[in-house]
Amino acid sequence: MKNYSVYILECADGSLYTGYAVDVRQRFALHCSGRGAKYTRSHKPLRIVYEETFPGKSEALRREWAIKHLPREKKEALIQGGGTDVGTEKLSGK
């Protein structure tokens, strides 16, 4: 079984991009080359600032969705080590 990761990229304009991949470094290289997501073609990615790994694709997709719906302040807390549970209340039912 493949592991999937959810990642957050910091872009040159200060924005944050969230995605998922099997190989985050390879996906980052695609983003940097302009062949990744449409968003990163116009918002140059600078670095990977966060990564979480999951045993399956469905878990990673649920987490990606949860992170994408967080306000920026909570994403920044997550990046700064505010805990992997930031924003998962909807998923866990808590």
N, C-alpha and C. Protein backbone atom coordinates (compact mmCIF):
# COMPACT_ATOMS: atom_id res chain seq x y z
N MET A 1 0.84 -1.18 0.00
CA MET A 1 0.00 0.00 0.00
C MET A 1 0.88 1.25 0.00
N LYS A 2 0.53 2.23 -0.82
CA LYS A 2 1.27 3.48 -0.90
C LYS A 2 0.89 4.41 0.24
N ASN A 3 1.87 5.18 0.69
CA ASN A 3 1.60 6.27 1.62
C ASN A 3 1.36 7.53 0.81
N TYR A 4 0.46 8.35 1.26
CA TYR A 4 0.17 9.64 0.63
C TYR A 4 0.46 10.74 1.62
N SER A 5 0.94 11.85 1.11
CA SER A 5 1.24 12.99 1.96
C SER A 5 0.41 14.20 1.56
N VAL A 6 0.08 14.99 2.55
CA VAL A 6 -0.54 16.29 2.35
C VAL A 6 0.55 17.30 2.66
N TYR A 7 0.66 18.33 1.83
CA TYR A 7 1.73 19.30 2.01
C TYR A 7 1.21 20.71 1.82
N ILE A 8 1.95 21.65 2.39
CA ILE A 8 1.67 23.07 2.19
C ILE A 8 2.93 23.70 1.63
N LEU A 9 2.77 24.47 0.57
CA LEU A 9 3.88 25.21 -0.03
C LEU A 9 3.72 26.68 0.29
N GLU A 10 4.85 27.33 0.52
CA GLU A 10 4.86 28.80 0.61
C GLU A 10 5.22 29.31 -0.77
N CYS A 11 4.44 30.27 -1.25
CA CYS A 11 4.68 30.83 -2.58
C CYS A 11 5.35 32.20 -2.47
N ALA A 12 5.93 32.65 -3.57
CA ALA A 12 6.70 33.89 -3.60
C ALA A 12 5.88 35.11 -3.18
N ASP A 13 4.58 35.09 -3.43
CA ASP A 13 3.73 36.23 -3.05
C ASP A 13 3.22 36.12 -1.61
N GLY A 14 3.70 35.11 -0.87
CA GLY A 14 3.29 34.94 0.52
C GLY A 14 2.08 34.04 0.70
N SER A 15 1.48 33.62 -0.39
CA SER A 15 0.32 32.75 -0.29
C SER A 15 0.75 31.32 0.05
N LEU A 16 -0.22 30.52 0.46
CA LEU A 16 0.03 29.12 0.81
C LEU A 16 -0.78 28.24 -0.13
N TYR A 17 -0.17 27.16 -0.61
CA TYR A 17 -0.85 26.20 -1.48
C TYR A 17 -0.84 24.85 -0.79
N THR A 18 -1.98 24.18 -0.75
CA THR A 18 -2.09 22.86 -0.14
C THR A 18 -2.41 21.82 -1.21
N GLY A 19 -1.71 20.69 -1.14
CA GLY A 19 -1.96 19.61 -2.08
C GLY A 19 -1.64 18.27 -1.46
N TYR A 20 -1.77 17.21 -2.25
CA TYR A 20 -1.41 15.87 -1.78
C TYR A 20 -0.62 15.17 -2.87
N ALA A 21 0.20 14.22 -2.47
CA ALA A 21 1.03 13.48 -3.43
C ALA A 21 1.60 12.24 -2.77
N VAL A 22 2.05 11.31 -3.59
CA VAL A 22 2.78 10.14 -3.09
C VAL A 22 4.21 10.57 -2.79
N ASP A 23 4.80 11.35 -3.67
CA ASP A 23 6.18 11.82 -3.50
C ASP A 23 6.16 13.35 -3.51
N VAL A 24 6.21 13.95 -2.35
CA VAL A 24 6.07 15.40 -2.23
C VAL A 24 7.22 16.13 -2.92
N ARG A 25 8.45 15.63 -2.80
CA ARG A 25 9.59 16.32 -3.43
C ARG A 25 9.46 16.31 -4.95
N GLN A 26 9.00 15.20 -5.50
CA GLN A 26 8.80 15.13 -6.95
C GLN A 26 7.68 16.07 -7.38
N ARG A 27 6.61 16.11 -6.60
CA ARG A 27 5.49 17.00 -6.90
C ARG A 27 5.92 18.46 -6.80
N PHE A 28 6.74 18.78 -5.80
CA PHE A 28 7.26 20.14 -5.65
C PHE A 28 8.07 20.53 -6.89
N ALA A 29 8.89 19.61 -7.38
CA ALA A 29 9.67 19.88 -8.60
C ALA A 29 8.74 20.17 -9.78
N LEU A 30 7.62 19.45 -9.88
CA LEU A 30 6.65 19.72 -10.95
C LEU A 30 6.05 21.11 -10.79
N HIS A 31 5.70 21.47 -9.55
CA HIS A 31 5.17 22.81 -9.30
C HIS A 31 6.19 23.87 -9.74
N CYS A 32 7.44 23.67 -9.37
CA CYS A 32 8.49 24.65 -9.69
C CYS A 32 8.72 24.76 -11.20
N SER A 33 8.51 23.68 -11.92
CA SER A 33 8.72 23.69 -13.37
C SER A 33 7.54 24.26 -14.14
N GLY A 34 6.45 24.55 -13.42
CA GLY A 34 5.26 25.09 -14.08
C GLY A 34 4.31 24.01 -14.58
N ARG A 35 4.60 22.74 -14.26
CA ARG A 35 3.75 21.65 -14.71
C ARG A 35 2.94 21.04 -13.57
N GLY A 36 2.90 21.74 -12.44
CA GLY A 36 2.10 21.26 -11.31
C GLY A 36 0.69 21.80 -11.42
N ALA A 37 0.16 22.29 -10.36
CA ALA A 37 -1.20 22.84 -10.34
C ALA A 37 -1.26 24.19 -11.05
N LYS A 38 -2.43 24.51 -11.54
CA LYS A 38 -2.64 25.81 -12.20
C LYS A 38 -2.26 26.96 -11.27
N TYR A 39 -2.62 26.83 -9.98
CA TYR A 39 -2.33 27.89 -9.02
C TYR A 39 -0.84 28.19 -8.93
N THR A 40 -0.01 27.16 -8.89
CA THR A 40 1.42 27.39 -8.72
C THR A 40 2.11 27.85 -10.00
N ARG A 41 1.40 27.85 -11.11
CA ARG A 41 1.98 28.43 -12.33
C ARG A 41 2.05 29.95 -12.22
N SER A 42 1.08 30.54 -11.52
CA SER A 42 1.06 31.99 -11.37
C SER A 42 1.49 32.46 -9.98
N HIS A 43 1.73 31.52 -9.07
CA HIS A 43 2.20 31.82 -7.72
C HIS A 43 3.42 30.94 -7.47
N LYS A 44 4.59 31.43 -7.83
CA LYS A 44 5.81 30.61 -7.79
C LYS A 44 6.05 30.00 -6.41
N PRO A 45 6.13 28.67 -6.34
CA PRO A 45 6.40 28.02 -5.05
C PRO A 45 7.86 28.21 -4.63
N LEU A 46 8.05 28.52 -3.34
CA LEU A 46 9.39 28.72 -2.81
C LEU A 46 9.91 27.51 -2.05
N ARG A 47 9.04 26.97 -1.18
CA ARG A 47 9.49 25.86 -0.34
C ARG A 47 8.31 25.10 0.23
N ILE A 48 8.60 23.87 0.64
CA ILE A 48 7.62 23.04 1.33
C ILE A 48 7.70 23.43 2.80
N VAL A 49 6.58 23.88 3.37
CA VAL A 49 6.60 24.32 4.76
C VAL A 49 5.90 23.36 5.71
N TYR A 50 5.19 22.37 5.16
CA TYR A 50 4.47 21.43 6.01
C TYR A 50 4.20 20.14 5.25
N GLU A 51 4.26 19.02 5.96
CA GLU A 51 3.95 17.73 5.35
C GLU A 51 3.42 16.77 6.41
N GLU A 52 2.37 16.04 6.07
CA GLU A 52 1.80 14.98 6.90
C GLU A 52 1.63 13.76 6.01
N THR A 53 1.89 12.57 6.55
CA THR A 53 1.78 11.34 5.77
C THR A 53 0.63 10.48 6.29
N PHE A 54 -0.07 9.83 5.35
CA PHE A 54 -1.22 8.98 5.66
C PHE A 54 -1.07 7.64 4.96
N PRO A 55 -1.67 6.58 5.52
CA PRO A 55 -1.54 5.26 4.92
C PRO A 55 -2.38 5.06 3.66
N GLY A 56 -3.34 5.92 3.43
CA GLY A 56 -4.19 5.75 2.25
C GLY A 56 -4.56 7.08 1.61
N LYS A 57 -4.99 6.99 0.36
CA LYS A 57 -5.35 8.18 -0.41
C LYS A 57 -6.57 8.88 0.17
N SER A 58 -7.58 8.13 0.60
CA SER A 58 -8.80 8.77 1.10
C SER A 58 -8.54 9.59 2.35
N GLU A 59 -7.68 9.10 3.24
CA GLU A 59 -7.34 9.87 4.44
C GLU A 59 -6.62 11.16 4.06
N ALA A 60 -5.70 11.05 3.11
CA ALA A 60 -4.94 12.23 2.66
C ALA A 60 -5.87 13.25 2.00
N LEU A 61 -6.80 12.79 1.19
CA LEU A 61 -7.73 13.71 0.54
C LEU A 61 -8.64 14.41 1.54
N ARG A 62 -9.09 13.68 2.57
CA ARG A 62 -9.91 14.31 3.61
C ARG A 62 -9.12 15.37 4.36
N ARG A 63 -7.86 15.05 4.66
CA ARG A 63 -7.02 16.01 5.38
C ARG A 63 -6.72 17.23 4.50
N GLU A 64 -6.44 17.00 3.23
CA GLU A 64 -6.19 18.12 2.30
C GLU A 64 -7.41 19.04 2.29
N TRP A 65 -8.60 18.47 2.18
CA TRP A 65 -9.82 19.27 2.16
C TRP A 65 -9.95 20.09 3.45
N ALA A 66 -9.68 19.43 4.59
CA ALA A 66 -9.79 20.12 5.89
C ALA A 66 -8.80 21.28 5.97
N ILE A 67 -7.57 21.07 5.54
CA ILE A 67 -6.57 22.13 5.60
C ILE A 67 -6.94 23.27 4.66
N LYS A 68 -7.39 22.94 3.45
CA LYS A 68 -7.77 23.98 2.49
C LYS A 68 -8.89 24.88 3.02
N HIS A 69 -9.72 24.35 3.91
CA HIS A 69 -10.83 25.13 4.46
C HIS A 69 -10.49 25.85 5.77
N LEU A 70 -9.25 25.73 6.22
CA LEU A 70 -8.83 26.45 7.42
C LEU A 70 -8.56 27.91 7.10
N PRO A 71 -8.80 28.80 8.04
CA PRO A 71 -8.36 30.18 7.84
C PRO A 71 -6.83 30.23 7.89
N ARG A 72 -6.27 31.23 7.31
CA ARG A 72 -4.81 31.34 7.22
C ARG A 72 -4.14 31.22 8.60
N GLU A 73 -4.73 31.83 9.62
CA GLU A 73 -4.12 31.80 10.95
C GLU A 73 -3.94 30.36 11.45
N LYS A 74 -4.92 29.50 11.18
CA LYS A 74 -4.81 28.11 11.61
C LYS A 74 -3.80 27.34 10.76
N LYS A 75 -3.72 27.68 9.49
CA LYS A 75 -2.69 27.05 8.64
C LYS A 75 -1.30 27.43 9.15
N GLU A 76 -1.13 28.69 9.52
CA GLU A 76 0.16 29.14 10.04
C GLU A 76 0.49 28.44 11.36
N ALA A 77 -0.53 28.24 12.21
CA ALA A 77 -0.32 27.52 13.48
C ALA A 77 0.10 26.08 13.20
N LEU A 78 -0.51 25.48 12.22
CA LEU A 78 -0.15 24.12 11.83
C LEU A 78 1.30 24.06 11.37
N ILE A 79 1.69 24.99 10.53
CA ILE A 79 3.06 25.07 10.01
C ILE A 79 4.05 25.28 11.15
N GLN A 80 3.69 26.12 12.11
CA GLN A 80 4.58 26.44 13.22
C GLN A 80 4.59 25.36 14.30
N GLY A 81 3.90 24.26 14.08
CA GLY A 81 3.90 23.19 15.05
C GLY A 81 2.76 23.26 16.02
N GLY A 82 1.69 23.94 15.62
CA GLY A 82 0.53 24.06 16.47
C GLY A 82 -0.24 22.77 16.64
N GLY A 83 0.23 21.70 16.03
CA GLY A 83 -0.40 20.38 16.19
C GLY A 83 -1.10 19.92 14.95
N THR A 84 -1.07 18.64 14.71
CA THR A 84 -1.70 18.08 13.52
C THR A 84 -3.22 18.00 13.65
N ASP A 85 -3.76 18.30 14.84
CA ASP A 85 -5.19 18.23 15.02
C ASP A 85 -5.88 19.55 14.69
N VAL A 86 -5.14 20.58 14.35
CA VAL A 86 -5.74 21.86 14.00
C VAL A 86 -6.63 21.66 12.76
N GLY A 87 -7.91 21.94 12.92
CA GLY A 87 -8.82 21.87 11.78
C GLY A 87 -9.41 20.51 11.51
N THR A 88 -9.17 19.51 12.33
CA THR A 88 -9.74 18.20 12.05
C THR A 88 -11.03 17.94 12.82
N GLU A 89 -11.55 18.94 13.51
CA GLU A 89 -12.76 18.76 14.30
C GLU A 89 -13.90 18.23 13.43
N LYS A 90 -14.04 18.75 12.21
CA LYS A 90 -15.10 18.32 11.33
C LYS A 90 -14.94 16.85 10.95
N LEU A 91 -13.72 16.40 10.80
CA LEU A 91 -13.47 15.01 10.41
C LEU A 91 -13.72 14.05 11.57
N SER A 92 -13.33 14.44 12.75
CA SER A 92 -13.43 13.54 13.90
C SER A 92 -14.78 13.60 14.59
N GLY A 93 -15.59 14.61 14.25
CA GLY A 93 -16.88 14.78 14.88
C GLY A 93 -16.83 15.43 16.25
N LYS A 94 -15.68 15.96 16.63
CA LYS A 94 -15.51 16.62 17.95
C LYS A 94 -15.96 18.05 17.87
